[in-house]
Amino acid sequence: MGLMSKFVVNTVTDKAVDTAKSFATTTMTTVAVKSIGNILGVPDVMVNSILAVGIPMMMFAGADDPSISDKIFGESKKKDKKKDKGRKEAEDDFFNVFGDKGHAMNKAIAEETGATEDEVNGVMGLFMPTFLEGVSEEEPESAGALNKMFKQSKDEVEKQSPSLTRMAMKALL
């Protein structure tokens, strides 16, 4: 399943949101979910719901905007990745990569999951180092190769969840 399989699998969870109910976080994100939930005081089920919608949206953004793929590629190649960032620093890093699309994505994620935008900003920012680690493990040769991987993941999501795809594209366009 490619890059998407590092983060999500095709199983159903009890509390997943309707349009993303076929996605549940995998082992790679389990530790991140618990940690993020503890830091923010947000229940794990809400963190899972936010990421079930947010992870595909990050890949969609990378597939549709080569400048985002470039930034993700650059960040994933940094040797001195700091994983234990404070919330503010993590959110700043997230928005430095995704820019205005990050704000639009997070607003759509909040609407879809019932979380507040503040919760979504925190979850997405604090998850960013885990996302970059997953990208790094794939060892893409270039930002263009990463963009191609994102496009393949986007195609997988489009087949599995047309409603999530419509929602993501509405937020990104």
C-alpha atoms as a PDB file:
ATOM      1  CA  MET A   1       0.000   0.000   0.000  1.00  0.00           C
ATOM      2  CA  GLY A   2       3.023   2.290  -0.107  1.00  0.00           C
ATOM      3  CA  LEU A   3       3.508   5.375   2.014  1.00  0.00           C
ATOM      4  CA  MET A   4      -0.097   5.356   3.220  1.00  0.00           C
ATOM      5  CA  SER A   5       0.437   1.955   4.856  1.00  0.00           C
ATOM      6  CA  LYS A   6       2.949   3.517   7.255  1.00  0.00           C
ATOM      7  CA  PHE A   7       0.142   5.497   8.806  1.00  0.00           C
ATOM      8  CA  VAL A   8      -3.245   3.937   8.113  1.00  0.00           C
ATOM      9  CA  VAL A   9      -4.810   0.570   7.325  1.00  0.00           C
ATOM     10  CA  ASN A  10      -8.156  -0.450   5.928  1.00  0.00           C
ATOM     11  CA  THR A  11      -9.949  -1.441   9.149  1.00  0.00           C
ATOM     12  CA  VAL A  12     -12.914   0.023  10.972  1.00  0.00           C
ATOM     13  CA  THR A  13     -12.677   1.596  14.435  1.00  0.00           C
ATOM     14  CA  ASP A  14     -15.535   2.143  16.878  1.00  0.00           C
ATOM     15  CA  LYS A  15     -15.364   5.949  16.976  1.00  0.00           C
ATOM     16  CA  ALA A  16     -13.948   6.885  13.582  1.00  0.00           C
ATOM     17  CA  VAL A  17     -15.714   9.695  11.767  1.00  0.00           C
ATOM     18  CA  ASP A  18     -18.165   8.721   9.038  1.00  0.00           C
ATOM     19  CA  THR A  19     -16.154   9.641   5.962  1.00  0.00           C
ATOM     20  CA  ALA A  20     -12.905   8.255   7.373  1.00  0.00           C
ATOM     21  CA  LYS A  21     -14.311   5.223   9.166  1.00  0.00           C
ATOM     22  CA  SER A  22     -12.278   2.804   7.065  1.00  0.00           C
ATOM     23  CA  PHE A  23      -9.025   4.230   8.398  1.00  0.00           C
ATOM     24  CA  ALA A  24      -7.420   3.435  11.758  1.00  0.00           C
ATOM     25  CA  THR A  25      -3.962   4.383  12.906  1.00  0.00           C
ATOM     26  CA  THR A  26      -1.276   1.703  12.651  1.00  0.00           C
ATOM     27  CA  THR A  27       1.465   0.693  15.036  1.00  0.00           C
ATOM     28  CA  MET A  28       3.669   3.537  13.816  1.00  0.00           C
ATOM     29  CA  THR A  29       1.227   6.114  15.113  1.00  0.00           C
ATOM     30  CA  THR A  30       0.049   4.342  18.285  1.00  0.00           C
ATOM     31  CA  VAL A  31       2.783   5.832  20.456  1.00  0.00           C
ATOM     32  CA  ALA A  32       2.310   9.242  18.849  1.00  0.00           C
ATOM     33  CA  VAL A  33      -1.443   9.115  19.506  1.00  0.00           C
ATOM     34  CA  LYS A  34      -0.986   8.360  23.201  1.00  0.00           C
ATOM     35  CA  SER A  35       1.719  10.994  23.586  1.00  0.00           C
ATOM     36  CA  ILE A  36      -0.261  13.667  21.741  1.00  0.00           C
ATOM     37  CA  GLY A  37      -3.403  12.838  23.693  1.00  0.00           C
ATOM     38  CA  ASN A  38      -1.517  13.175  26.976  1.00  0.00           C
ATOM     39  CA  ILE A  39       0.152  16.456  26.019  1.00  0.00           C
ATOM     40  CA  LEU A  40      -3.071  18.074  24.800  1.00  0.00           C
ATOM     41  CA  GLY A  41      -5.508  16.430  27.195  1.00  0.00           C
ATOM     42  CA  VAL A  42      -7.469  15.135  24.194  1.00  0.00           C
ATOM     43  CA  PRO A  43      -8.916  11.588  24.293  1.00  0.00           C
ATOM     44  CA  ASP A  44      -7.034   9.054  22.145  1.00  0.00           C
ATOM     45  CA  VAL A  45     -10.199   8.341  20.148  1.00  0.00           C
ATOM     46  CA  MET A  46     -10.368  12.029  19.130  1.00  0.00           C
ATOM     47  CA  VAL A  47      -6.652  12.072  18.236  1.00  0.00           C
ATOM     48  CA  ASN A  48      -7.273   8.944  16.104  1.00  0.00           C
ATOM     49  CA  SER A  49     -10.237  10.599  14.374  1.00  0.00           C
ATOM     50  CA  ILE A  50      -8.242  13.752  13.644  1.00  0.00           C
ATOM     51  CA  LEU A  51      -5.345  11.738  12.212  1.00  0.00           C
ATOM     52  CA  ALA A  52      -7.650   9.435  10.240  1.00  0.00           C
ATOM     53  CA  VAL A  53      -8.747  12.500   8.298  1.00  0.00           C
ATOM     54  CA  GLY A  54      -5.554  14.563   8.640  1.00  0.00           C
ATOM     55  CA  ILE A  55      -2.970  12.076   7.388  1.00  0.00           C
ATOM     56  CA  PRO A  56      -4.643  11.548   4.002  1.00  0.00           C
ATOM     57  CA  MET A  57      -5.145  15.327   3.736  1.00  0.00           C
ATOM     58  CA  MET A  58      -1.398  15.916   4.300  1.00  0.00           C
ATOM     59  CA  MET A  59      -0.650  13.450   1.497  1.00  0.00           C
ATOM     60  CA  PHE A  60      -3.258  15.065  -0.757  1.00  0.00           C
ATOM     61  CA  ALA A  61      -1.638  18.447  -0.158  1.00  0.00           C
ATOM     62  CA  GLY A  62       1.765  16.993  -1.028  1.00  0.00           C
ATOM     63  CA  ALA A  63       0.347  15.355  -4.154  1.00  0.00           C
ATOM     64  CA  ASP A  64      -1.382  18.507  -5.385  1.00  0.00           C
ATOM     65  CA  ASP A  65       1.271  21.096  -4.530  1.00  0.00           C
ATOM     66  CA  PRO A  66       4.896  20.333  -5.463  1.00  0.00           C
ATOM     67  CA  SER A  67       6.122  23.141  -3.187  1.00  0.00           C
ATOM     68  CA  ILE A  68       4.655  21.246  -0.213  1.00  0.00           C
ATOM     69  CA  SER A  69       6.358  18.039  -1.368  1.00  0.00           C
ATOM     70  CA  ASP A  70       9.611  20.019  -1.584  1.00  0.00           C
ATOM     71  CA  LYS A  71       9.227  21.273   1.985  1.00  0.00           C
ATOM     72  CA  ILE A  72       8.291  17.849   3.359  1.00  0.00           C
ATOM     73  CA  PHE A  73      11.211  16.270   1.510  1.00  0.00           C
ATOM     74  CA  GLY A  74      13.622  18.872   2.893  1.00  0.00           C
ATOM     75  CA  GLU A  75      12.336  18.493   6.444  1.00  0.00           C
ATOM     76  CA  SER A  76      12.467  14.682   6.232  1.00  0.00           C
ATOM     77  CA  LYS A  77      16.131  14.806   5.202  1.00  0.00           C
ATOM     78  CA  LYS A  78      17.281  16.923   8.135  1.00  0.00           C
ATOM     79  CA  LYS A  79      19.725  14.988  10.274  1.00  0.00           C
ATOM     80  CA  ASP A  80      19.006  16.921  13.460  1.00  0.00           C
ATOM     81  CA  LYS A  81      15.270  16.292  13.674  1.00  0.00           C
ATOM     82  CA  LYS A  82      13.985  17.341  17.047  1.00  0.00           C
ATOM     83  CA  LYS A  83      11.072  15.097  17.991  1.00  0.00           C
ATOM     84  CA  ASP A  84      10.202  16.467  21.422  1.00  0.00           C
ATOM     85  CA  LYS A  85       8.991  19.881  20.375  1.00  0.00           C
ATOM     86  CA  GLY A  86       6.673  22.060  22.354  1.00  0.00           C
ATOM     87  CA  ARG A  87       3.202  22.582  20.981  1.00  0.00           C
ATOM     88  CA  LYS A  88       3.866  26.104  19.647  1.00  0.00           C
ATOM     89  CA  GLU A  89       7.081  25.071  17.866  1.00  0.00           C
ATOM     90  CA  ALA A  90       5.374  21.977  16.414  1.00  0.00           C
ATOM     91  CA  GLU A  91       2.431  24.004  15.119  1.00  0.00           C
ATOM     92  CA  ASP A  92       4.797  26.585  13.610  1.00  0.00           C
ATOM     93  CA  ASP A  93       6.661  23.789  11.799  1.00  0.00           C
ATOM     94  CA  PHE A  94       3.387  22.350  10.489  1.00  0.00           C
ATOM     95  CA  PHE A  95       2.229  25.716   9.131  1.00  0.00           C
ATOM     96  CA  ASN A  96       5.691  26.469   7.681  1.00  0.00           C
ATOM     97  CA  VAL A  97       5.305  23.338   5.545  1.00  0.00           C
ATOM     98  CA  PHE A  98       1.600  23.550   4.670  1.00  0.00           C
ATOM     99  CA  GLY A  99       1.068  27.331   4.819  1.00  0.00           C
ATOM    100  CA  ASP A 100      -2.473  28.538   4.196  1.00  0.00           C
ATOM    101  CA  LYS A 101      -3.474  25.036   3.075  1.00  0.00           C
ATOM    102  CA  GLY A 102      -2.630  23.870   6.590  1.00  0.00           C
ATOM    103  CA  HIS A 103      -5.203  26.257   8.016  1.00  0.00           C
ATOM    104  CA  ALA A 104      -7.824  25.147   5.473  1.00  0.00           C
ATOM    105  CA  MET A 105      -7.066  21.470   6.135  1.00  0.00           C
ATOM    106  CA  ASN A 106      -7.309  21.892   9.889  1.00  0.00           C
ATOM    107  CA  LYS A 107     -10.606  23.757   9.619  1.00  0.00           C
ATOM    108  CA  ALA A 108     -12.032  20.948   7.461  1.00  0.00           C
ATOM    109  CA  ILE A 109     -10.682  18.297   9.849  1.00  0.00           C
ATOM    110  CA  ALA A 110     -12.317  20.089  12.787  1.00  0.00           C
ATOM    111  CA  GLU A 111     -15.654  20.245  10.968  1.00  0.00           C
ATOM    112  CA  GLU A 112     -15.422  16.588   9.989  1.00  0.00           C
ATOM    113  CA  THR A 113     -14.407  15.222  13.396  1.00  0.00           C
ATOM    114  CA  GLY A 114     -16.212  17.539  15.790  1.00  0.00           C
ATOM    115  CA  ALA A 115     -12.887  18.603  17.316  1.00  0.00           C
ATOM    116  CA  THR A 116     -12.050  22.245  17.862  1.00  0.00           C
ATOM    117  CA  GLU A 117      -9.600  23.912  15.490  1.00  0.00           C
ATOM    118  CA  ASP A 118      -7.287  24.400  18.481  1.00  0.00           C
ATOM    119  CA  GLU A 119      -7.297  20.631  19.120  1.00  0.00           C
ATOM    120  CA  VAL A 120      -6.682  19.892  15.451  1.00  0.00           C
ATOM    121  CA  ASN A 121      -3.827  22.423  15.266  1.00  0.00           C
ATOM    122  CA  GLY A 122      -2.200  20.776  18.278  1.00  0.00           C
ATOM    123  CA  VAL A 123      -2.648  17.213  17.040  1.00  0.00           C
ATOM    124  CA  MET A 124      -1.447  17.929  13.505  1.00  0.00           C
ATOM    125  CA  GLY A 125       1.540  19.948  14.712  1.00  0.00           C
ATOM    126  CA  LEU A 126       2.625  17.370  17.259  1.00  0.00           C
ATOM    127  CA  PHE A 127       2.146  14.542  14.729  1.00  0.00           C
ATOM    128  CA  MET A 128       4.326  16.236  12.108  1.00  0.00           C
ATOM    129  CA  PRO A 129       7.648  14.705  13.342  1.00  0.00           C
ATOM    130  CA  THR A 130       6.113  11.207  13.133  1.00  0.00           C
ATOM    131  CA  PHE A 131       4.877  11.973   9.621  1.00  0.00           C
ATOM    132  CA  LEU A 132       8.347  13.191   8.606  1.00  0.00           C
ATOM    133  CA  GLU A 133       9.904  10.053  10.109  1.00  0.00           C
ATOM    134  CA  GLY A 134       7.581   7.899   8.000  1.00  0.00           C
ATOM    135  CA  VAL A 135       8.528   9.842   4.880  1.00  0.00           C
ATOM    136  CA  SER A 136      12.224   9.553   5.750  1.00  0.00           C
ATOM    137  CA  GLU A 137      11.961   5.779   6.166  1.00  0.00           C
ATOM    138  CA  GLU A 138      10.653   5.527   2.604  1.00  0.00           C
ATOM    139  CA  GLU A 139      13.919   7.141   1.446  1.00  0.00           C
ATOM    140  CA  PRO A 140      12.544   9.045  -1.546  1.00  0.00           C
ATOM    141  CA  GLU A 141      15.323  10.069  -3.940  1.00  0.00           C
ATOM    142  CA  SER A 142      13.945  13.540  -4.531  1.00  0.00           C
ATOM    143  CA  ALA A 143      11.021  15.824  -3.842  1.00  0.00           C
ATOM    144  CA  GLY A 144       9.612  14.709  -7.207  1.00  0.00           C
ATOM    145  CA  ALA A 145       9.768  11.060  -6.134  1.00  0.00           C
ATOM    146  CA  LEU A 146       8.026  11.991  -2.892  1.00  0.00           C
ATOM    147  CA  ASN A 147       5.334  13.852  -4.841  1.00  0.00           C
ATOM    148  CA  LYS A 148       4.812  10.692  -6.909  1.00  0.00           C
ATOM    149  CA  MET A 149       4.465   8.615  -3.714  1.00  0.00           C
ATOM    150  CA  PHE A 150       1.897  11.092  -2.411  1.00  0.00           C
ATOM    151  CA  LYS A 151      -0.023  10.829  -5.695  1.00  0.00           C
ATOM    152  CA  GLN A 152      -0.066   7.030  -5.389  1.00  0.00           C
ATOM    153  CA  SER A 153      -1.377   7.300  -1.825  1.00  0.00           C
ATOM    154  CA  LYS A 154      -3.988   9.808  -2.970  1.00  0.00           C
ATOM    155  CA  ASP A 155      -5.138   7.355  -5.646  1.00  0.00           C
ATOM    156  CA  GLU A 156      -5.513   4.626  -2.975  1.00  0.00           C
ATOM    157  CA  VAL A 157      -7.611   6.886  -0.760  1.00  0.00           C
ATOM    158  CA  GLU A 158      -9.749   8.006  -3.711  1.00  0.00           C
ATOM    159  CA  LYS A 159     -10.664   4.357  -4.364  1.00  0.00           C
ATOM    160  CA  GLN A 160     -11.338   3.502  -0.714  1.00  0.00           C
ATOM    161  CA  SER A 161     -13.101   6.644   0.456  1.00  0.00           C
ATOM    162  CA  PRO A 162     -14.620   8.927  -2.172  1.00  0.00           C
ATOM    163  CA  SER A 163     -16.285  11.042   0.519  1.00  0.00           C
ATOM    164  CA  LEU A 164     -12.962  11.682   2.292  1.00  0.00           C
ATOM    165  CA  THR A 165     -11.466  12.550  -1.081  1.00  0.00           C
ATOM    166  CA  ARG A 166     -14.221  15.087  -1.836  1.00  0.00           C
ATOM    167  CA  MET A 167     -13.840  16.681   1.580  1.00  0.00           C
ATOM    168  CA  ALA A 168     -10.035  16.874   1.272  1.00  0.00           C
ATOM    169  CA  MET A 169     -10.140  18.340  -2.210  1.00  0.00           C
ATOM    170  CA  LYS A 170     -12.733  20.929  -1.157  1.00  0.00           C
ATOM    171  CA  ALA A 171     -10.422  22.042   1.669  1.00  0.00           C
ATOM    172  CA  LEU A 172      -7.326  22.142  -0.535  1.00  0.00           C
ATOM    173  CA  LEU A 173      -8.752  23.908  -3.582  1.00  0.00           C
END
